[in-house]
Amino acid sequence: MQIDLSSHIVKVYLTLKVENAGSTPTSEVLLSFPPTQADHLATVEALVTKGKRKKTTLVRLDVKPTELPDAPNDAKYFTIYLANPLKSGESTTIEILYLLTHSQEPFPAEIAQSESQLVYYRDSALILSPYHIKQQTTFIKTPSTKVESFTRVEPSNRAGTEIKYGPYEDHPPYSFSPILIHFENNSPFAVVEELVREVEISHWGNLQVTEQYTLVHAGARHKGVFSRVDYQSRPTLNGASSLRYLLARLPPRVHSVYYRDEIGNISSSHLRTDSRKSELEIEPRYPLFGGWKATFVIGYGLPLQDFLFETSDDRRYLNFTFGCPLLETVVDKLTVKVVLPEGSKDPSAVVPFPVEQHLETKYSYLDVVGRTVVVMEKKNLVPAHNSHFQVICLLHLQANLHACGAFDVGVRVLLVFRGLCSLPAHRSFHTQVKHRSIRNKKIANSSKLSLFRLQ
């Protein structure tokens, strides 16, 4: 087992060699977690290797939460479904990755601008397993060599940024050996408390995306005063754990990008684009220290033909990415709203993980019956959730004709109204022309009279 603590998102890699010691074949493997970890568990993935030598491939296995009535100490379970049943006496190797959020506790809870951020991490030197463990070794990687203390469970040792526990042999099921590590972690704890993403499909070939963020630095709270001079002159010493900038990974061919808050446009952003991706680097109006918050909006447009496709049964489906485009951030609550064109029927969403779904109605310009909005909500997200989802619907041509007709009627009404408003101006113009001709006649008559008198 390898535990990576280099960021505020804890990454745990498990390599399990499972042997079927029973008398009947089995196609399921149980994975258990203590309740303290299960509450912060963001995602669980399982892979198995197929083939030999250079022709090996990784096959993803289904993982689903499972409830057992006789679970000791309120343990939480996940079931890994094998691709092929494991016969008696056979063994297989499963690669497992799971991510934990809000699992590093700042201690001390408050630090000054010039102090480093220290955190606690709690775990077990032995994996909590419902099976007998023949042998196990645990490696824990810290961000730096500065480790204040760690629990010693012999055999254990530390070298550089790595702490090794084990190897341990022949442990009964549900063995648990708690450990506590106190170490330095100056990576910014960027947490999006709430993110609302609205993806609007336009009739006119554009996909407009609007993202509203509520961002907080969830690390050790800042105490004392903030000195901009010290922060600018020695950034590595003053504010080492502060959040200076964020990087958003956007789709290619993005256009009309804006970044603003309640005050107005924020100019401290840089956009880099190529044929495969677009990267938007943004800086908040002020650096974020522990406990500080910032709210802002990111918006951009995309060509609709890159994301909207047609099925064989004349249905349309949107293929877009779920999750948060900001790198190395945790999202406590995410709401994705897909605004379909007016007249769309029978919408349905296909998401690769469980989400809460419901429908809403939104009224925009020139709408008659309103636009159907597919709303999807999920909590506790990490960058691993940035996978594609699909929204399928039946789009009637009559609805588009209604929109075009409404637009045509609106333009005609506007032209007629403008013409009526401009009638007084035309009348004054004809009156000016009439007065001007009468005056010219008077001047001509006076000229003839003068010539007559001279003769």
Protein backbone atom coordinates (compact mmCIF):
# COMPACT_ATOMS: atom_id res chain seq x y z
CA MET A 1 0.00 0.00 0.00
CA GLN A 2 1.28 3.48 -0.95
CA ILE A 3 -0.18 6.66 0.56
CA ASP A 4 0.63 9.96 -1.16
CA LEU A 5 0.29 13.03 1.12
CA SER A 6 1.95 15.54 -1.22
CA SER A 7 -1.28 17.56 -1.65
CA HIS A 8 -4.44 18.05 0.37
CA ILE A 9 -6.09 15.25 -1.66
CA VAL A 10 -4.83 11.95 -0.21
CA LYS A 11 -4.11 9.33 -2.88
CA VAL A 12 -3.95 5.69 -1.77
CA TYR A 13 -2.66 2.97 -4.12
CA LEU A 14 -3.34 -0.66 -3.20
CA THR A 15 -1.85 -3.71 -4.90
CA LEU A 16 -3.81 -6.71 -3.68
CA LYS A 17 -2.87 -10.27 -4.53
CA VAL A 18 -6.07 -12.16 -3.77
CA GLU A 19 -6.22 -15.94 -3.47
CA ASN A 20 -9.42 -17.99 -3.34
CA ALA A 21 -8.93 -20.30 -0.36
CA GLY A 22 -12.51 -21.57 -0.51
CA SER A 23 -13.94 -24.58 -2.24
CA THR A 24 -16.25 -22.75 -4.69
CA PRO A 25 -15.49 -20.12 -7.37
CA THR A 26 -16.07 -16.47 -6.49
CA SER A 27 -16.42 -13.34 -8.59
CA GLU A 28 -16.55 -10.72 -5.82
CA VAL A 29 -13.90 -9.20 -3.54
CA LEU A 30 -14.84 -7.05 -0.53
CA LEU A 31 -12.98 -3.85 0.30
CA SER A 32 -13.63 -2.33 3.73
CA PHE A 33 -13.00 1.16 5.19
CA PRO A 34 -13.24 2.51 8.73
CA PRO A 35 -16.11 5.02 9.16
CA THR A 36 -13.68 7.93 9.59
CA GLN A 37 -12.32 7.30 6.10
CA ALA A 38 -15.62 6.36 4.49
CA ASP A 39 -17.03 9.82 5.27
CA HIS A 40 -14.21 11.44 3.26
CA LEU A 41 -14.01 8.89 0.45
CA ALA A 42 -14.34 10.60 -2.93
CA THR A 43 -13.80 7.77 -5.42
CA VAL A 44 -12.72 4.12 -5.60
CA GLU A 45 -11.32 2.52 -8.76
CA ALA A 46 -10.16 -1.04 -9.40
CA LEU A 47 -8.12 -2.40 -12.32
CA VAL A 48 -6.85 -5.83 -13.26
CA THR A 49 -4.06 -6.71 -15.68
CA LYS A 50 -4.85 -8.93 -18.65
CA GLY A 51 -2.33 -10.58 -20.94
CA LYS A 52 1.36 -11.37 -20.59
CA ARG A 53 4.59 -9.41 -21.04
CA LYS A 54 4.32 -6.68 -23.69
CA LYS A 55 0.67 -7.44 -24.53
CA THR A 56 -0.73 -6.56 -21.14
CA THR A 57 -3.79 -4.33 -20.83
CA LEU A 58 -5.60 -2.85 -17.84
CA VAL A 59 -9.28 -3.70 -17.49
CA ARG A 60 -11.49 -1.56 -15.26
CA LEU A 61 -13.65 -3.47 -12.80
CA ASP A 62 -17.02 -2.46 -11.41
CA VAL A 63 -16.96 -1.17 -7.84
CA LYS A 64 -20.19 -0.60 -5.91
CA PRO A 65 -20.92 0.22 -2.25
CA THR A 66 -22.30 -2.68 -0.23
CA GLU A 67 -24.01 -2.88 3.15
CA LEU A 68 -23.43 -5.83 5.46
CA PRO A 69 -25.59 -6.27 8.56
CA ASP A 70 -22.81 -7.69 10.74
CA ALA A 71 -20.13 -5.10 9.93
CA PRO A 72 -17.80 -4.66 12.95
CA ASN A 73 -17.18 -1.13 14.24
CA ASP A 74 -19.49 0.40 11.58
CA ALA A 75 -17.11 -0.49 8.76
CA LYS A 76 -18.16 0.50 5.23
CA TYR A 77 -17.81 -1.94 2.35
CA PHE A 78 -17.33 -1.83 -1.40
CA THR A 79 -17.68 -4.85 -3.67
CA ILE A 80 -15.23 -5.36 -6.53
CA TYR A 81 -16.73 -7.48 -9.30
CA LEU A 82 -14.12 -9.60 -11.09
CA ALA A 83 -14.23 -9.97 -14.85
CA ASN A 84 -13.91 -13.77 -14.57
CA PRO A 85 -14.78 -15.98 -11.59
CA LEU A 86 -11.80 -16.93 -9.44
CA LYS A 87 -11.65 -20.70 -9.01
CA SER A 88 -10.57 -22.46 -5.87
CA GLY A 89 -6.81 -22.18 -5.33
CA GLU A 90 -6.35 -19.50 -8.03
CA SER A 91 -5.08 -15.99 -7.39
CA THR A 92 -5.26 -12.63 -9.14
CA THR A 93 -3.74 -9.18 -8.66
CA ILE A 94 -6.01 -6.13 -8.35
CA GLU A 95 -4.79 -2.52 -8.57
CA ILE A 96 -6.94 -0.19 -6.45
CA LEU A 97 -6.90 3.60 -6.22
CA TYR A 98 -9.04 5.59 -3.80
CA LEU A 99 -8.95 9.29 -2.95
CA LEU A 100 -9.71 10.97 0.37
CA THR A 101 -10.72 14.60 0.94
CA HIS A 102 -10.60 16.71 4.11
CA SER A 103 -8.38 14.05 5.70
CA GLN A 104 -5.47 16.30 6.76
CA GLU A 105 -6.14 18.34 9.89
CA PRO A 106 -4.14 21.57 10.32
CA PHE A 107 -2.28 21.69 13.61
CA PRO A 108 -1.83 24.33 14.86
CA ALA A 109 -5.20 25.45 13.59
CA GLU A 110 -4.01 29.09 13.20
CA ILE A 111 -0.68 30.32 11.83
CA ALA A 112 0.85 33.71 11.11
CA GLN A 113 1.85 34.87 7.66
CA SER A 114 5.50 33.85 8.12
CA GLU A 115 4.80 30.37 9.57
CA SER A 116 4.66 27.06 7.75
CA GLN A 117 1.55 24.89 7.71
CA LEU A 118 1.66 21.68 9.75
CA VAL A 119 -1.01 19.00 9.51
CA TYR A 120 -2.06 15.72 11.10
CA TYR A 121 -2.87 12.57 9.14
CA ARG A 122 -4.52 9.55 10.79
CA ASP A 123 -4.57 6.05 9.31
CA SER A 124 -3.65 2.45 10.09
CA ALA A 125 -0.39 0.64 9.49
CA LEU A 126 -2.50 -2.38 8.53
CA ILE A 127 -5.26 -2.31 5.97
CA LEU A 128 -8.72 -2.92 7.37
CA SER A 129 -9.63 -6.15 5.58
CA PRO A 130 -12.33 -8.79 6.11
CA TYR A 131 -9.80 -11.40 4.97
CA HIS A 132 -6.73 -12.95 6.53
CA ILE A 133 -3.56 -10.97 5.59
CA LYS A 134 -0.48 -13.03 4.85
CA GLN A 135 1.87 -10.09 4.27
CA GLN A 136 1.60 -6.31 4.01
CA THR A 137 3.95 -3.33 3.61
CA THR A 138 2.83 0.31 3.78
CA PHE A 139 4.73 3.27 2.30
CA ILE A 140 3.73 6.86 3.14
CA LYS A 141 5.10 9.77 1.11
CA THR A 142 5.22 13.25 2.70
CA PRO A 143 5.56 16.57 0.79
CA SER A 144 8.91 17.40 2.43
CA THR A 145 11.47 15.97 4.81
CA LYS A 146 10.09 18.04 7.68
CA VAL A 147 8.21 15.48 9.80
CA GLU A 148 7.53 16.55 13.37
CA SER A 149 6.55 13.09 14.60
CA PHE A 150 5.03 9.80 13.51
CA THR A 151 3.73 6.69 15.27
CA ARG A 152 6.20 3.83 15.36
CA VAL A 153 4.82 0.33 14.79
CA GLU A 154 7.76 -2.01 14.53
CA PRO A 155 9.19 -2.64 12.09
CA SER A 156 9.04 0.95 10.79
CA ASN A 157 11.59 3.54 9.61
CA ARG A 158 11.82 6.87 7.81
CA ALA A 159 14.18 7.89 5.00
CA GLY A 160 13.81 11.33 3.39
CA THR A 161 10.19 11.90 2.44
CA GLU A 162 9.16 8.24 2.86
CA ILE A 163 7.91 6.40 5.95
CA LYS A 164 7.84 2.62 5.77
CA TYR A 165 5.67 0.35 7.91
CA GLY A 166 6.26 -3.39 7.75
CA PRO A 167 6.43 -5.92 6.39
CA TYR A 168 3.76 -7.43 8.65
CA GLU A 169 2.78 -11.07 8.33
CA ASP A 170 -0.12 -13.33 9.30
CA HIS A 171 -2.71 -10.92 10.68
CA PRO A 172 -6.32 -11.94 11.31
CA PRO A 173 -9.28 -10.19 9.64
CA TYR A 174 -10.12 -6.66 10.73
CA SER A 175 -6.70 -6.04 12.24
CA PHE A 176 -6.17 -2.34 12.92
CA SER A 177 -3.06 -0.48 14.08
CA PRO A 178 -3.69 3.29 14.29
CA ILE A 179 -0.92 5.71 13.31
CA LEU A 180 -0.61 9.50 13.50
CA ILE A 181 1.79 11.56 11.36
CA HIS A 182 2.53 15.24 12.02
CA PHE A 183 4.29 16.85 9.05
CA GLU A 184 4.68 20.03 7.01
CA ASN A 185 2.36 20.56 4.04
CA ASN A 186 2.47 24.01 2.46
CA SER A 187 0.31 23.13 -0.54
CA PRO A 188 -2.77 25.39 -0.67
CA PHE A 189 -5.94 23.64 0.45
CA ALA A 190 -8.16 24.90 -2.38
CA VAL A 191 -11.76 23.87 -1.72
CA VAL A 192 -14.76 24.98 -3.78
CA GLU A 193 -17.62 25.05 -1.31
CA GLU A 194 -20.18 25.38 -4.09
CA LEU A 195 -19.90 25.38 -7.87
CA VAL A 196 -22.81 25.96 -10.26
CA ARG A 197 -22.06 25.17 -13.91
CA GLU A 198 -24.66 26.18 -16.51
CA VAL A 199 -24.24 24.75 -20.02
CA GLU A 200 -26.70 26.41 -22.42
CA ILE A 201 -27.31 25.04 -25.90
CA SER A 202 -28.16 27.84 -28.31
CA HIS A 203 -30.27 27.61 -31.47
CA TRP A 204 -27.59 29.51 -33.33
CA GLY A 205 -24.63 27.11 -33.07
CA ASN A 206 -23.02 28.18 -29.80
CA LEU A 207 -22.52 26.47 -26.43
CA GLN A 208 -22.33 28.98 -23.60
CA VAL A 209 -20.81 27.87 -20.27
CA THR A 210 -21.11 29.90 -17.06
CA GLU A 211 -19.41 28.76 -13.83
CA GLN A 212 -20.07 30.40 -10.45
CA TYR A 213 -17.48 29.62 -7.76
CA THR A 214 -17.37 29.99 -4.00
CA LEU A 215 -13.73 29.23 -3.15
CA VAL A 216 -12.14 28.90 0.29
CA HIS A 217 -8.67 28.11 1.58
CA ALA A 218 -9.36 25.19 3.96
CA GLY A 219 -5.88 25.12 5.52
CA ALA A 220 -4.69 26.59 8.80
CA ARG A 221 -6.51 29.87 9.48
CA HIS A 222 -4.52 33.07 9.10
CA LYS A 223 -3.92 35.05 12.30
CA GLY A 224 -2.52 38.52 12.75
CA VAL A 225 -2.19 41.19 10.08
CA PHE A 226 -1.39 40.75 6.41
CA SER A 227 1.69 42.56 5.05
CA ARG A 228 1.69 43.05 1.30
CA VAL A 229 5.30 44.27 1.40
CA ASP A 230 6.59 41.10 3.09
CA TYR A 231 4.44 38.94 0.83
CA GLN A 232 5.84 40.51 -2.35
CA SER A 233 9.48 40.67 -1.20
CA ARG A 234 9.78 37.14 0.25
CA PRO A 235 6.90 35.00 -1.06
CA THR A 236 8.58 31.68 -0.16
CA LEU A 237 8.86 32.66 3.50
CA ASN A 238 5.79 34.84 3.95
CA GLY A 239 2.66 33.06 2.88
CA ALA A 240 4.20 29.76 1.75
CA SER A 241 0.84 28.00 2.02
CA SER A 242 -1.23 30.79 0.45
CA LEU A 243 -3.22 30.36 -2.74
CA ARG A 244 -1.69 32.60 -5.40
CA TYR A 245 -3.27 31.39 -8.63
CA LEU A 246 -5.50 28.68 -10.09
CA LEU A 247 -5.26 26.78 -13.36
CA ALA A 248 -8.43 25.84 -15.24
CA ARG A 249 -8.30 23.20 -17.97
CA LEU A 250 -10.87 24.21 -20.62
CA PRO A 251 -11.89 22.49 -23.89
CA PRO A 252 -10.13 23.45 -27.15
CA ARG A 253 -11.50 26.14 -29.49
CA VAL A 254 -12.76 28.17 -26.55
CA HIS A 255 -13.71 31.80 -27.19
CA SER A 256 -15.22 34.84 -25.47
CA VAL A 257 -13.60 33.98 -22.13
CA TYR A 258 -14.29 36.26 -19.17
CA TYR A 259 -13.33 36.20 -15.48
CA ARG A 260 -15.11 38.55 -13.08
CA ASP A 261 -16.65 38.97 -9.63
CA GLU A 262 -19.15 41.30 -7.95
CA ILE A 263 -16.88 44.31 -8.48
CA GLY A 264 -16.34 43.74 -12.20
CA ASN A 265 -13.83 42.25 -14.60
CA ILE A 266 -10.60 40.77 -13.15
CA SER A 267 -7.73 41.38 -15.55
CA SER A 268 -5.19 39.09 -13.84
CA SER A 269 -5.75 36.07 -16.09
CA HIS A 270 -3.85 34.42 -18.92
CA LEU A 271 -5.33 32.16 -21.61
CA ARG A 272 -3.23 29.63 -23.53
CA THR A 273 -4.85 27.60 -26.31
CA ASP A 274 -3.81 24.93 -28.78
CA SER A 275 -5.54 22.26 -30.86
CA ARG A 276 -5.99 19.84 -27.92
CA LYS A 277 -6.77 21.98 -24.88
CA SER A 278 -7.07 25.46 -23.43
CA GLU A 279 -5.57 26.58 -20.13
CA LEU A 280 -6.81 29.60 -18.21
CA GLU A 281 -4.52 30.81 -15.42
CA ILE A 282 -6.37 33.09 -13.01
CA GLU A 283 -5.27 35.08 -9.99
CA PRO A 284 -7.71 36.21 -7.30
CA ARG A 285 -7.89 39.89 -6.44
CA TYR A 286 -5.91 39.07 -3.29
CA PRO A 287 -3.90 36.00 -2.18
CA LEU A 288 -5.98 33.53 -0.21
CA PHE A 289 -4.74 32.51 3.24
CA GLY A 290 -6.31 29.91 5.50
CA GLY A 291 -9.99 30.65 6.14
CA TRP A 292 -10.22 33.35 3.42
CA LYS A 293 -12.88 33.12 0.71
CA ALA A 294 -13.40 34.42 -2.81
CA THR A 295 -16.39 34.36 -5.15
CA PHE A 296 -16.04 34.76 -8.91
CA VAL A 297 -17.52 33.77 -12.27
CA ILE A 298 -15.82 32.19 -15.29
CA GLY A 299 -17.64 32.14 -18.62
CA TYR A 300 -16.75 31.06 -22.14
CA GLY A 301 -18.25 29.97 -25.43
CA LEU A 302 -17.65 26.84 -27.49
CA PRO A 303 -18.62 25.75 -31.02
CA LEU A 304 -21.73 23.62 -30.73
CA GLN A 305 -20.70 21.13 -33.42
CA ASP A 306 -17.86 19.87 -31.20
CA PHE A 307 -20.25 18.72 -28.44
CA LEU A 308 -23.72 18.12 -29.93
CA PHE A 309 -24.26 14.97 -31.99
CA GLU A 310 -27.12 13.03 -33.59
CA THR A 311 -28.09 9.41 -32.94
CA SER A 312 -29.46 6.90 -35.42
CA ASP A 313 -33.03 7.45 -34.16
CA ASP A 314 -32.95 11.22 -34.85
CA ARG A 315 -32.22 12.19 -31.24
CA ARG A 316 -29.59 14.72 -30.16
CA TYR A 317 -27.10 14.22 -27.35
CA LEU A 318 -24.66 16.56 -25.66
CA ASN A 319 -21.25 15.13 -24.75
CA PHE A 320 -19.57 17.31 -22.12
CA THR A 321 -17.28 16.98 -19.08
CA PHE A 322 -18.59 16.64 -15.55
CA GLY A 323 -16.71 18.04 -12.56
CA CYS A 324 -14.61 21.12 -11.95
CA PRO A 325 -12.07 22.40 -14.51
CA LEU A 326 -9.80 23.80 -11.76
CA LEU A 327 -6.82 21.56 -11.07
CA GLU A 328 -6.06 20.15 -7.59
CA THR A 329 -9.29 21.38 -6.05
CA VAL A 330 -11.95 19.67 -3.96
CA VAL A 331 -15.59 20.52 -4.67
CA ASP A 332 -17.93 20.09 -1.71
CA LYS A 333 -21.08 20.57 -3.82
CA LEU A 334 -21.42 20.69 -7.60
CA THR A 335 -24.55 21.55 -9.58
CA VAL A 336 -24.51 21.08 -13.35
CA LYS A 337 -27.39 22.62 -15.31
CA VAL A 338 -27.82 21.75 -18.98
CA VAL A 339 -30.22 24.20 -20.64
CA LEU A 340 -31.76 22.52 -23.69
CA PRO A 341 -33.29 24.37 -26.66
CA GLU A 342 -36.96 25.25 -26.40
CA GLY A 343 -39.17 22.36 -27.45
CA SER A 344 -36.79 19.58 -26.39
CA LYS A 345 -38.62 16.44 -25.29
CA ASP A 346 -37.81 13.36 -23.20
CA PRO A 347 -34.41 14.46 -21.80
CA SER A 348 -32.22 11.94 -19.97
CA ALA A 349 -28.69 12.12 -18.56
CA VAL A 350 -26.04 9.39 -18.59
CA VAL A 351 -23.36 9.95 -15.92
CA PRO A 352 -20.60 7.41 -15.10
CA PHE A 353 -21.25 7.73 -11.33
CA PRO A 354 -24.30 8.25 -9.10
CA VAL A 355 -25.77 11.77 -9.08
CA GLU A 356 -29.06 13.37 -8.07
CA GLN A 357 -31.15 14.51 -11.05
CA HIS A 358 -34.26 16.59 -11.60
CA LEU A 359 -35.77 18.88 -14.25
CA GLU A 360 -36.43 22.62 -14.23
CA THR A 361 -37.78 25.19 -16.69
CA LYS A 362 -35.98 28.37 -17.69
CA TYR A 363 -37.35 31.28 -19.70
CA SER A 364 -35.04 33.30 -21.92
CA TYR A 365 -35.44 35.83 -24.71
CA LEU A 366 -38.25 35.07 -27.21
CA ASP A 367 -39.20 31.85 -25.42
CA VAL A 368 -42.82 30.72 -25.61
CA VAL A 369 -43.03 27.51 -23.53
CA GLY A 370 -39.66 27.77 -21.78
CA ARG A 371 -36.50 25.69 -21.96
CA THR A 372 -36.05 22.36 -20.20
CA VAL A 373 -33.10 22.29 -17.78
CA VAL A 374 -31.50 19.00 -16.72
CA VAL A 375 -30.04 19.51 -13.22
CA MET A 376 -27.42 17.12 -11.80
CA GLU A 377 -26.00 17.43 -8.27
CA LYS A 378 -23.13 15.66 -6.55
CA LYS A 379 -21.05 16.19 -3.40
CA ASN A 380 -17.39 15.59 -2.57
CA LEU A 381 -15.74 15.73 -5.99
CA VAL A 382 -12.07 15.55 -7.00
CA PRO A 383 -10.31 15.94 -10.39
CA ALA A 384 -10.91 12.22 -11.04
CA HIS A 385 -14.59 13.06 -11.59
CA ASN A 386 -13.77 15.13 -14.68
CA SER A 387 -15.17 12.53 -17.04
CA HIS A 388 -17.69 12.84 -19.87
CA PHE A 389 -21.44 12.65 -19.46
CA GLN A 390 -24.25 12.72 -22.01
CA VAL A 391 -27.64 14.42 -22.08
CA ILE A 392 -29.97 12.89 -24.68
CA CYS A 393 -33.17 14.55 -25.90
CA LEU A 394 -35.61 14.70 -28.81
CA LEU A 395 -35.45 18.09 -30.53
CA HIS A 396 -38.50 19.03 -32.63
CA LEU A 397 -38.03 21.19 -35.71
CA GLN A 398 -41.31 22.96 -35.00
CA ALA A 399 -39.83 24.49 -31.86
CA ASN A 400 -36.98 25.98 -33.89
CA LEU A 401 -39.52 27.40 -36.35
CA HIS A 402 -41.40 28.94 -33.40
CA ALA A 403 -38.17 30.58 -32.23
CA CYS A 404 -37.39 31.88 -35.72
CA GLY A 405 -40.99 33.08 -36.12
CA ALA A 406 -40.87 34.88 -32.81
CA PHE A 407 -37.61 36.51 -33.81
CA ASP A 408 -39.09 37.56 -37.17
CA VAL A 409 -42.19 39.01 -35.51
CA GLY A 410 -40.03 40.85 -33.01
CA VAL A 411 -37.93 42.40 -35.77
CA ARG A 412 -41.02 43.45 -37.73
CA VAL A 413 -42.60 45.06 -34.67
CA LEU A 414 -39.36 46.89 -33.95
CA LEU A 415 -39.16 48.23 -37.52
CA VAL A 416 -42.78 49.38 -37.50
CA PHE A 417 -42.35 51.06 -34.12
CA ARG A 418 -39.20 52.78 -35.34
CA GLY A 419 -40.99 53.99 -38.47
CA LEU A 420 -43.85 55.45 -36.45
CA CYS A 421 -41.45 57.24 -34.17
CA SER A 422 -39.63 58.78 -37.13
CA LEU A 423 -42.75 60.23 -38.87
CA PRO A 424 -42.52 63.70 -37.21
CA ALA A 425 -38.95 64.02 -38.40
CA HIS A 426 -40.04 63.40 -42.06
CA ARG A 427 -42.83 65.98 -41.81
CA SER A 428 -40.47 68.66 -40.53
CA PHE A 429 -38.13 67.88 -43.41
CA HIS A 430 -40.87 68.48 -46.04
CA THR A 431 -41.88 71.67 -44.28
CA GLN A 432 -38.28 72.90 -44.38
CA VAL A 433 -38.09 72.17 -48.13
CA LYS A 434 -41.33 74.12 -48.75
CA HIS A 435 -40.16 77.19 -46.78
CA ARG A 436 -36.81 77.01 -48.53
CA SER A 437 -38.46 77.10 -52.04
CA ILE A 438 -40.68 80.10 -51.12
CA ARG A 439 -37.64 82.00 -49.88
CA ASN A 440 -35.74 81.25 -53.11
CA LYS A 441 -38.67 82.62 -55.17
CA LYS A 442 -38.67 85.88 -53.16
CA ILE A 443 -34.94 86.30 -53.73
CA ALA A 444 -35.39 85.76 -57.48
CA ASN A 445 -38.21 88.32 -57.71
CA SER A 446 -36.15 90.91 -55.81
CA SER A 447 -33.23 90.35 -58.23
CA LYS A 448 -35.48 90.96 -61.26
CA LEU A 449 -36.80 94.18 -59.70
CA SER A 450 -33.28 95.48 -59.11
CA LEU A 451 -32.29 94.77 -62.71
CA PHE A 452 -35.39 96.60 -64.00
CA ARG A 453 -34.57 99.71 -61.96
CA LEU A 454 -30.97 99.75 -63.27
CA GLN A 455 -32.15 99.63 -66.83
